[in-house]
Amino acid sequence: MEIAIIAHDGKKADMVQFLMQHKELLKAKDISLISTGTTGSKVEAAGLNVHKYLSGPLGGDAQIAARVAEGKTGMVIFFRDPLEKHPHEPDIFMLMRLCDVYDVPLATNPSTATLLIKSV
């Protein structure tokens, strides 16, 4: 299964912590991770394998949205920072909309992500 991971700047540490907490599950279930560029770099620095796309503001959110539409990504974990403005909001909303259109599970916070990852 392919899971997309994305985190706004203020949530990248939370994403790394989340993935480290579930590292054994990810490995046992042979889950492949894809990510936007900057989030992926942080995840790699923590010792996990991830395929990185472009940074979110440079089109990474749109690249992952395309994978959702193509049926390649089975889950999206996107730790959003709801208190900050983001120049690529249209791409973020497109990704979230496509998750709804294609019935792909989407978690936007650690509590929901934990429920989803345990169901894999």
N, C-alpha and C. Protein backbone atom coordinates (compact mmCIF):
# COMPACT_ATOMS: atom_id res chain seq x y z
N MET A 1 0.85 -1.19 0.00
CA MET A 1 0.00 0.00 0.00
C MET A 1 0.88 1.23 0.00
N GLU A 2 0.46 2.23 -0.74
CA GLU A 2 1.17 3.50 -0.79
C GLU A 2 0.42 4.53 0.05
N ILE A 3 1.16 5.16 0.96
CA ILE A 3 0.60 6.22 1.79
C ILE A 3 1.36 7.51 1.51
N ALA A 4 0.61 8.58 1.25
CA ALA A 4 1.21 9.90 1.05
C ALA A 4 1.28 10.61 2.40
N ILE A 5 2.43 11.22 2.68
CA ILE A 5 2.60 11.99 3.91
C ILE A 5 3.01 13.41 3.55
N ILE A 6 2.33 14.35 4.16
CA ILE A 6 2.56 15.77 3.91
C ILE A 6 2.40 16.48 5.25
N ALA A 7 3.23 17.49 5.49
CA ALA A 7 3.07 18.27 6.72
C ALA A 7 3.50 19.71 6.47
N HIS A 8 2.67 20.61 6.92
CA HIS A 8 3.08 22.03 6.87
C HIS A 8 4.28 22.23 7.79
N ASP A 9 4.99 23.32 7.60
CA ASP A 9 6.24 23.55 8.33
C ASP A 9 6.08 23.39 9.84
N GLY A 10 5.02 23.93 10.40
CA GLY A 10 4.82 23.85 11.84
C GLY A 10 4.41 22.47 12.34
N LYS A 11 4.22 21.53 11.42
CA LYS A 11 3.76 20.18 11.77
C LYS A 11 4.73 19.09 11.34
N LYS A 12 5.86 19.46 10.74
CA LYS A 12 6.80 18.46 10.24
C LYS A 12 7.37 17.59 11.36
N ALA A 13 7.70 18.19 12.48
CA ALA A 13 8.21 17.41 13.62
C ALA A 13 7.16 16.42 14.11
N ASP A 14 5.89 16.84 14.12
CA ASP A 14 4.80 15.94 14.51
C ASP A 14 4.71 14.75 13.55
N MET A 15 4.91 15.02 12.26
CA MET A 15 4.84 13.94 11.28
C MET A 15 5.97 12.94 11.50
N VAL A 16 7.17 13.43 11.70
CA VAL A 16 8.30 12.54 11.94
C VAL A 16 8.05 11.71 13.20
N GLN A 17 7.58 12.35 14.25
CA GLN A 17 7.29 11.63 15.50
C GLN A 17 6.22 10.56 15.27
N PHE A 18 5.17 10.90 14.54
CA PHE A 18 4.11 9.96 14.23
C PHE A 18 4.66 8.73 13.49
N LEU A 19 5.47 8.99 12.47
CA LEU A 19 6.02 7.89 11.68
C LEU A 19 6.96 7.01 12.51
N MET A 20 7.74 7.62 13.36
CA MET A 20 8.64 6.84 14.20
C MET A 20 7.86 5.96 15.18
N GLN A 21 6.75 6.47 15.67
CA GLN A 21 5.91 5.69 16.58
C GLN A 21 5.29 4.48 15.88
N HIS A 22 5.10 4.58 14.56
CA HIS A 22 4.46 3.51 13.80
C HIS A 22 5.42 2.84 12.82
N LYS A 23 6.70 3.01 13.05
CA LYS A 23 7.73 2.49 12.14
C LYS A 23 7.61 0.98 11.94
N GLU A 24 7.43 0.23 13.00
CA GLU A 24 7.35 -1.23 12.90
C GLU A 24 6.12 -1.67 12.10
N LEU A 25 5.00 -1.01 12.32
CA LEU A 25 3.78 -1.32 11.57
C LEU A 25 3.97 -1.05 10.08
N LEU A 26 4.57 0.08 9.76
CA LEU A 26 4.81 0.43 8.36
C LEU A 26 5.68 -0.62 7.69
N LYS A 27 6.69 -1.07 8.40
CA LYS A 27 7.60 -2.08 7.86
C LYS A 27 6.90 -3.43 7.73
N ALA A 28 6.18 -3.83 8.76
CA ALA A 28 5.50 -5.14 8.76
C ALA A 28 4.44 -5.23 7.67
N LYS A 29 3.77 -4.14 7.37
CA LYS A 29 2.71 -4.12 6.35
C LYS A 29 3.25 -3.77 4.96
N ASP A 30 4.57 -3.60 4.85
CA ASP A 30 5.22 -3.27 3.57
C ASP A 30 4.59 -2.04 2.92
N ILE A 31 4.43 -0.99 3.73
CA ILE A 31 3.85 0.26 3.26
C ILE A 31 4.93 1.13 2.65
N SER A 32 4.68 1.62 1.45
CA SER A 32 5.61 2.56 0.83
C SER A 32 5.10 3.97 1.06
N LEU A 33 6.02 4.85 1.38
CA LEU A 33 5.68 6.25 1.66
C LEU A 33 6.07 7.13 0.49
N ILE A 34 5.19 8.06 0.16
CA ILE A 34 5.52 9.13 -0.77
C ILE A 34 5.27 10.43 -0.03
N SER A 35 5.92 11.49 -0.49
CA SER A 35 5.83 12.74 0.25
C SER A 35 6.15 13.93 -0.62
N THR A 36 5.72 15.09 -0.15
CA THR A 36 6.21 16.32 -0.74
C THR A 36 7.67 16.47 -0.32
N GLY A 37 8.41 17.28 -1.04
CA GLY A 37 9.86 17.34 -0.90
C GLY A 37 10.41 17.66 0.47
N THR A 38 9.97 18.72 1.08
CA THR A 38 10.55 19.14 2.35
C THR A 38 10.16 18.17 3.47
N THR A 39 8.91 17.75 3.50
CA THR A 39 8.50 16.76 4.49
C THR A 39 9.30 15.48 4.30
N GLY A 40 9.47 15.06 3.07
CA GLY A 40 10.23 13.86 2.77
C GLY A 40 11.67 13.94 3.24
N SER A 41 12.27 15.10 3.10
CA SER A 41 13.65 15.28 3.57
C SER A 41 13.75 15.10 5.07
N LYS A 42 12.79 15.61 5.81
CA LYS A 42 12.77 15.45 7.27
C LYS A 42 12.58 13.98 7.65
N VAL A 43 11.74 13.29 6.90
CA VAL A 43 11.47 11.88 7.17
C VAL A 43 12.72 11.04 6.86
N GLU A 44 13.39 11.35 5.76
CA GLU A 44 14.64 10.66 5.42
C GLU A 44 15.70 10.87 6.49
N ALA A 45 15.78 12.09 6.99
CA ALA A 45 16.77 12.40 8.04
C ALA A 45 16.52 11.58 9.30
N ALA A 46 15.28 11.15 9.49
CA ALA A 46 14.93 10.31 10.65
C ALA A 46 15.20 8.83 10.37
N GLY A 47 15.63 8.53 9.15
CA GLY A 47 16.01 7.15 8.82
C GLY A 47 14.96 6.32 8.13
N LEU A 48 13.89 6.94 7.65
CA LEU A 48 12.84 6.20 6.95
C LEU A 48 12.97 6.40 5.44
N ASN A 49 12.52 5.40 4.69
CA ASN A 49 12.53 5.49 3.23
C ASN A 49 11.26 6.16 2.75
N VAL A 50 11.41 7.09 1.81
CA VAL A 50 10.27 7.80 1.26
C VAL A 50 10.63 8.27 -0.15
N HIS A 51 9.65 8.21 -1.05
CA HIS A 51 9.85 8.77 -2.39
C HIS A 51 9.36 10.21 -2.35
N LYS A 52 10.25 11.14 -2.64
CA LYS A 52 9.91 12.56 -2.54
C LYS A 52 9.49 13.12 -3.90
N TYR A 53 8.45 13.93 -3.84
CA TYR A 53 8.03 14.72 -4.99
C TYR A 53 8.46 16.16 -4.73
N LEU A 54 7.95 17.09 -5.51
CA LEU A 54 8.30 18.50 -5.32
C LEU A 54 7.80 19.00 -3.96
N SER A 55 8.37 20.09 -3.51
CA SER A 55 7.86 20.77 -2.33
C SER A 55 6.41 21.18 -2.60
N GLY A 56 5.60 21.22 -1.56
CA GLY A 56 4.19 21.58 -1.72
C GLY A 56 3.94 22.84 -2.52
N PRO A 57 4.55 23.98 -2.15
CA PRO A 57 4.31 25.21 -2.90
C PRO A 57 4.79 25.17 -4.36
N LEU A 58 5.66 24.21 -4.67
CA LEU A 58 6.19 24.10 -6.04
C LEU A 58 5.46 23.05 -6.86
N GLY A 59 4.39 22.47 -6.31
CA GLY A 59 3.59 21.51 -7.06
C GLY A 59 3.51 20.12 -6.48
N GLY A 60 4.17 19.87 -5.35
CA GLY A 60 4.15 18.53 -4.75
C GLY A 60 2.77 18.07 -4.33
N ASP A 61 1.96 18.98 -3.80
CA ASP A 61 0.59 18.62 -3.43
C ASP A 61 -0.20 18.17 -4.66
N ALA A 62 0.01 18.86 -5.77
CA ALA A 62 -0.68 18.51 -7.02
C ALA A 62 -0.18 17.17 -7.56
N GLN A 63 1.12 16.90 -7.42
CA GLN A 63 1.64 15.60 -7.87
C GLN A 63 1.01 14.46 -7.08
N ILE A 64 0.89 14.65 -5.79
CA ILE A 64 0.27 13.60 -4.96
C ILE A 64 -1.22 13.49 -5.26
N ALA A 65 -1.88 14.61 -5.51
CA ALA A 65 -3.30 14.58 -5.88
C ALA A 65 -3.48 13.76 -7.17
N ALA A 66 -2.57 13.89 -8.10
CA ALA A 66 -2.64 13.12 -9.35
C ALA A 66 -2.55 11.62 -9.05
N ARG A 67 -1.69 11.23 -8.11
CA ARG A 67 -1.55 9.82 -7.75
C ARG A 67 -2.83 9.30 -7.09
N VAL A 68 -3.49 10.16 -6.32
CA VAL A 68 -4.78 9.79 -5.73
C VAL A 68 -5.78 9.53 -6.86
N ALA A 69 -5.85 10.44 -7.84
CA ALA A 69 -6.79 10.31 -8.95
C ALA A 69 -6.48 9.08 -9.81
N GLU A 70 -5.22 8.70 -9.90
CA GLU A 70 -4.82 7.53 -10.69
C GLU A 70 -5.03 6.22 -9.94
N GLY A 71 -5.42 6.29 -8.67
CA GLY A 71 -5.65 5.08 -7.88
C GLY A 71 -4.37 4.46 -7.33
N LYS A 72 -3.27 5.20 -7.31
CA LYS A 72 -1.99 4.67 -6.84
C LYS A 72 -1.77 4.87 -5.35
N THR A 73 -2.39 5.90 -4.78
CA THR A 73 -2.22 6.22 -3.37
C THR A 73 -3.46 5.79 -2.60
N GLY A 74 -3.26 4.97 -1.57
CA GLY A 74 -4.39 4.42 -0.83
C GLY A 74 -4.78 5.15 0.42
N MET A 75 -3.93 6.10 0.85
CA MET A 75 -4.22 6.86 2.07
C MET A 75 -3.37 8.13 2.03
N VAL A 76 -3.89 9.20 2.58
CA VAL A 76 -3.15 10.46 2.68
C VAL A 76 -3.16 10.90 4.14
N ILE A 77 -1.97 11.18 4.64
CA ILE A 77 -1.83 11.76 5.98
C ILE A 77 -1.21 13.13 5.78
N PHE A 78 -2.00 14.16 6.06
CA PHE A 78 -1.60 15.54 5.79
C PHE A 78 -1.78 16.35 7.08
N PHE A 79 -0.69 16.51 7.81
CA PHE A 79 -0.76 17.30 9.04
C PHE A 79 -0.73 18.78 8.65
N ARG A 80 -1.92 19.37 8.64
CA ARG A 80 -2.09 20.76 8.25
C ARG A 80 -1.91 21.67 9.46
N ASP A 81 -1.45 22.87 9.18
CA ASP A 81 -1.38 23.90 10.21
C ASP A 81 -2.51 24.87 9.95
N PRO A 82 -3.64 24.71 10.65
CA PRO A 82 -4.81 25.54 10.36
C PRO A 82 -4.68 26.99 10.81
N LEU A 83 -3.64 27.30 11.53
CA LEU A 83 -3.48 28.67 12.04
C LEU A 83 -2.57 29.53 11.18
N GLU A 84 -2.03 28.96 10.11
CA GLU A 84 -1.14 29.71 9.22
C GLU A 84 -1.74 29.80 7.83
N LYS A 85 -1.35 30.84 7.09
CA LYS A 85 -1.75 30.97 5.69
C LYS A 85 -0.72 30.24 4.84
N HIS A 86 -1.19 29.66 3.75
CA HIS A 86 -0.31 28.91 2.86
C HIS A 86 -0.57 29.35 1.42
N PRO A 87 0.49 29.72 0.70
CA PRO A 87 0.31 30.24 -0.66
C PRO A 87 -0.25 29.20 -1.63
N HIS A 88 -0.18 27.93 -1.27
CA HIS A 88 -0.65 26.89 -2.18
C HIS A 88 -1.97 26.27 -1.72
N GLU A 89 -2.80 27.06 -1.04
CA GLU A 89 -4.10 26.58 -0.56
C GLU A 89 -4.93 25.91 -1.66
N PRO A 90 -4.97 26.46 -2.89
CA PRO A 90 -5.77 25.78 -3.93
C PRO A 90 -5.31 24.34 -4.17
N ASP A 91 -4.02 24.09 -4.13
CA ASP A 91 -3.52 22.73 -4.31
C ASP A 91 -3.92 21.84 -3.14
N ILE A 92 -3.87 22.39 -1.95
CA ILE A 92 -4.26 21.63 -0.75
C ILE A 92 -5.73 21.23 -0.84
N PHE A 93 -6.57 22.20 -1.21
CA PHE A 93 -8.00 21.91 -1.31
C PHE A 93 -8.28 20.92 -2.44
N MET A 94 -7.52 21.00 -3.53
CA MET A 94 -7.68 20.05 -4.63
C MET A 94 -7.36 18.64 -4.14
N LEU A 95 -6.26 18.48 -3.41
CA LEU A 95 -5.89 17.18 -2.88
C LEU A 95 -6.98 16.63 -1.96
N MET A 96 -7.47 17.46 -1.07
CA MET A 96 -8.51 17.03 -0.15
C MET A 96 -9.80 16.67 -0.90
N ARG A 97 -10.14 17.46 -1.91
CA ARG A 97 -11.34 17.17 -2.71
C ARG A 97 -11.20 15.84 -3.44
N LEU A 98 -10.02 15.59 -4.00
CA LEU A 98 -9.82 14.34 -4.74
C LEU A 98 -9.85 13.12 -3.80
N CYS A 99 -9.40 13.30 -2.57
CA CYS A 99 -9.54 12.21 -1.59
C CYS A 99 -11.02 11.88 -1.39
N ASP A 100 -11.85 12.90 -1.35
CA ASP A 100 -13.29 12.68 -1.21
C ASP A 100 -13.88 12.06 -2.48
N VAL A 101 -13.49 12.58 -3.64
CA VAL A 101 -14.01 12.07 -4.91
C VAL A 101 -13.68 10.59 -5.08
N TYR A 102 -12.45 10.21 -4.77
CA TYR A 102 -11.99 8.83 -4.99
C TYR A 102 -12.04 7.96 -3.73
N ASP A 103 -12.69 8.47 -2.69
CA ASP A 103 -12.90 7.71 -1.46
C ASP A 103 -11.59 7.19 -0.86
N VAL A 104 -10.61 8.08 -0.80
CA VAL A 104 -9.30 7.75 -0.23
C VAL A 104 -9.25 8.31 1.19
N PRO A 105 -8.95 7.49 2.18
CA PRO A 105 -8.88 7.98 3.56
C PRO A 105 -7.87 9.12 3.70
N LEU A 106 -8.27 10.15 4.43
CA LEU A 106 -7.45 11.35 4.63
C LEU A 106 -7.46 11.72 6.10
N ALA A 107 -6.28 11.82 6.68
CA ALA A 107 -6.14 12.26 8.07
C ALA A 107 -5.43 13.60 8.06
N THR A 108 -5.93 14.54 8.84
CA THR A 108 -5.29 15.86 8.89
C THR A 108 -4.73 16.18 10.27
N ASN A 109 -4.75 15.20 11.17
CA ASN A 109 -4.18 15.40 12.50
C ASN A 109 -3.71 14.05 13.04
N PRO A 110 -2.83 14.05 14.04
CA PRO A 110 -2.28 12.79 14.54
C PRO A 110 -3.31 11.81 15.10
N SER A 111 -4.35 12.29 15.75
CA SER A 111 -5.35 11.38 16.30
C SER A 111 -6.06 10.59 15.21
N THR A 112 -6.48 11.27 14.16
CA THR A 112 -7.13 10.58 13.05
C THR A 112 -6.16 9.68 12.31
N ALA A 113 -4.94 10.15 12.12
CA ALA A 113 -3.91 9.35 11.46
C ALA A 113 -3.64 8.05 12.21
N THR A 114 -3.64 8.11 13.53
CA THR A 114 -3.42 6.91 14.34
C THR A 114 -4.55 5.90 14.11
N LEU A 115 -5.78 6.38 14.10
CA LEU A 115 -6.91 5.48 13.83
C LEU A 115 -6.79 4.83 12.46
N LEU A 116 -6.41 5.61 11.46
CA LEU A 116 -6.30 5.06 10.11
C LEU A 116 -5.14 4.08 9.99
N ILE A 117 -4.00 4.42 10.52
CA ILE A 117 -2.81 3.57 10.36
C ILE A 117 -3.01 2.24 11.08
N LYS A 118 -3.75 2.25 12.18
CA LYS A 118 -4.01 0.99 12.90
C LYS A 118 -4.99 0.10 12.16
N SER A 119 -5.71 0.66 11.21
CA SER A 119 -6.69 -0.13 10.45
C SER A 119 -6.08 -0.80 9.22
N VAL A 120 -4.83 -0.51 8.93
CA VAL A 120 -4.18 -1.07 7.74
C VAL A 120 -3.93 -2.55 7.91
